[in-house]
Every structure is written in C-alpha cells, then in structure tokens.
C-alpha atoms as a PDB file:
ATOM      1  CA  MET A   1      40.315   6.528  32.007  1.00  0.00           C
ATOM      2  CA  SER A   2      39.930   7.781  35.553  1.00  0.00           C
ATOM      3  CA  ASN A   3      37.688   6.122  38.126  1.00  0.00           C
ATOM      4  CA  THR A   4      35.238   9.033  37.992  1.00  0.00           C
ATOM      5  CA  ASP A   5      35.081   9.208  34.183  1.00  0.00           C
ATOM      6  CA  LYS A   6      31.719   7.892  32.996  1.00  0.00           C
ATOM      7  CA  ILE A   7      30.733   6.533  29.622  1.00  0.00           C
ATOM      8  CA  ILE A   8      27.733   8.395  28.246  1.00  0.00           C
ATOM      9  CA  ARG A   9      25.471   7.292  25.412  1.00  0.00           C
ATOM     10  CA  LEU A  10      24.334   9.062  22.250  1.00  0.00           C
ATOM     11  CA  LYS A  11      21.126  10.621  23.618  1.00  0.00           C
ATOM     12  CA  THR A  12      23.009  12.173  26.519  1.00  0.00           C
ATOM     13  CA  VAL A  13      25.797  13.496  24.273  1.00  0.00           C
ATOM     14  CA  LEU A  14      23.294  15.094  21.899  1.00  0.00           C
ATOM     15  CA  ALA A  15      21.330  16.640  24.779  1.00  0.00           C
ATOM     16  CA  ARG A  16      24.443  18.093  26.406  1.00  0.00           C
ATOM     17  CA  THR A  17      25.984  19.480  23.239  1.00  0.00           C
ATOM     18  CA  GLY A  18      22.908  20.637  21.353  1.00  0.00           C
ATOM     19  CA  LEU A  19      24.307  19.090  18.177  1.00  0.00           C
ATOM     20  CA  SER A  20      22.292  17.060  15.714  1.00  0.00           C
ATOM     21  CA  ARG A  21      23.349  13.461  15.172  1.00  0.00           C
ATOM     22  CA  SER A  22      24.612  14.143  11.642  1.00  0.00           C
ATOM     23  CA  THR A  23      26.594  17.216  12.729  1.00  0.00           C
ATOM     24  CA  MET A  24      28.183  15.297  15.582  1.00  0.00           C
ATOM     25  CA  TYR A  25      29.314  12.444  13.321  1.00  0.00           C
ATOM     26  CA  ARG A  26      30.636  14.941  10.742  1.00  0.00           C
ATOM     27  CA  LYS A  27      32.666  16.624  13.483  1.00  0.00           C
ATOM     28  CA  ILE A  28      34.003  13.233  14.620  1.00  0.00           C
ATOM     29  CA  ALA A  29      35.167  12.555  11.036  1.00  0.00           C
ATOM     30  CA  GLU A  30      36.841  15.993  10.947  1.00  0.00           C
ATOM     31  CA  GLY A  31      38.535  15.367  14.296  1.00  0.00           C
ATOM     32  CA  THR A  32      36.753  18.293  15.968  1.00  0.00           C
ATOM     33  CA  PHE A  33      34.631  16.203  18.345  1.00  0.00           C
ATOM     34  CA  PRO A  34      35.596  13.270  20.613  1.00  0.00           C
ATOM     35  CA  SER A  35      35.359   9.836  19.009  1.00  0.00           C
ATOM     36  CA  GLN A  36      33.097   7.202  20.475  1.00  0.00           C
ATOM     37  CA  MET A  37      34.449   4.018  21.971  1.00  0.00           C
ATOM     38  CA  LYS A  38      33.022   0.545  21.583  1.00  0.00           C
ATOM     39  CA  ILE A  39      31.513  -0.661  24.864  1.00  0.00           C
ATOM     40  CA  SER A  40      29.770  -3.839  23.688  1.00  0.00           C
ATOM     41  CA  ALA A  41      29.142  -5.829  20.537  1.00  0.00           C
ATOM     42  CA  HIS A  42      26.386  -3.432  19.449  1.00  0.00           C
ATOM     43  CA  GLY A  43      26.965  -0.364  21.603  1.00  0.00           C
ATOM     44  CA  ALA A  44      29.213   2.657  21.766  1.00  0.00           C
ATOM     45  CA  GLY A  45      29.633   5.564  24.141  1.00  0.00           C
ATOM     46  CA  TRP A  46      31.734   8.636  24.784  1.00  0.00           C
ATOM     47  CA  ARG A  47      33.996   9.497  27.681  1.00  0.00           C
ATOM     48  CA  GLU A  48      32.205  12.155  29.680  1.00  0.00           C
ATOM     49  CA  SER A  49      35.466  14.011  30.298  1.00  0.00           C
ATOM     50  CA  ALA A  50      36.151  14.299  26.548  1.00  0.00           C
ATOM     51  CA  VAL A  51      32.649  15.610  25.866  1.00  0.00           C
ATOM     52  CA  ASN A  52      33.027  18.095  28.732  1.00  0.00           C
ATOM     53  CA  ARG A  53      36.345  19.325  27.249  1.00  0.00           C
ATOM     54  CA  TRP A  54      34.560  19.881  23.921  1.00  0.00           C
ATOM     55  CA  ILE A  55      31.722  21.761  25.638  1.00  0.00           C
ATOM     56  CA  GLU A  56      34.240  24.028  27.406  1.00  0.00           C
ATOM     57  CA  ASP A  57      35.972  25.010  24.145  1.00  0.00           C
ATOM     58  CA  PRO A  58      34.313  23.649  20.981  1.00  0.00           C
ATOM     59  CA  VAL A  59      36.159  25.984  18.592  1.00  0.00           C
ATOM     60  CA  SER A  60      39.679  24.856  19.408  1.00  0.00           C
ATOM     61  CA  TYR A  61      38.958  21.204  20.336  1.00  0.00           C
ATOM     62  CA  ARG A  62      41.021  18.641  18.433  1.00  0.00           C
ATOM     63  CA  ASP A  63      40.709  14.877  18.946  1.00  0.00           C
ATOM     64  CA  GLU A  64      44.289  13.616  19.159  1.00  0.00           C
ATOM     65  CA  GLY A  65      43.189  10.094  18.221  1.00  0.00           C
ATOM     66  CA  ALA A  66      41.337  11.071  15.021  1.00  0.00           C
ATOM     67  CA  ALA A  67      42.799  10.153  11.653  1.00  0.00           C
ATOM     68  CA  GLN A  68      43.645  13.302   9.733  1.00  0.00           C
END
C-alpha cells in the first residue's frame, strides 16, 4: 500500500460507486469488486486505489485476491 493510498469505509464506497450494499457484496463474492480489508476488531475498509480502479473500468475489473 502506498503512502497516499487511503482506507475508505462502506458509506464512502457506496456513495462513490452508486452500488447498493447487497450488490457490492455480491460482486466481491464474484471477484468483480475489490475485497475489503480488516482494519480493526470490528471494522473493515477498502483501499481507495482499488475502488478507483473499479470505477475507471467496472466491466473488466477482476480482484486478483478473490477466491474463484
């Protein structure tokens, strides 16, 4: 993770992408949206750079770390 890469939370991800929560989690399971990362015992977030890559090209995005 680069020094300028921020961790963004669920509300921000949903606002930026226009996806519903259920659609976003379905896409994560399919490997077509970036996976969240654990940031605390009860919290998770997304790398801003990964979300930005998805926004730039949502049709061909593939999460390399997703289990297929």
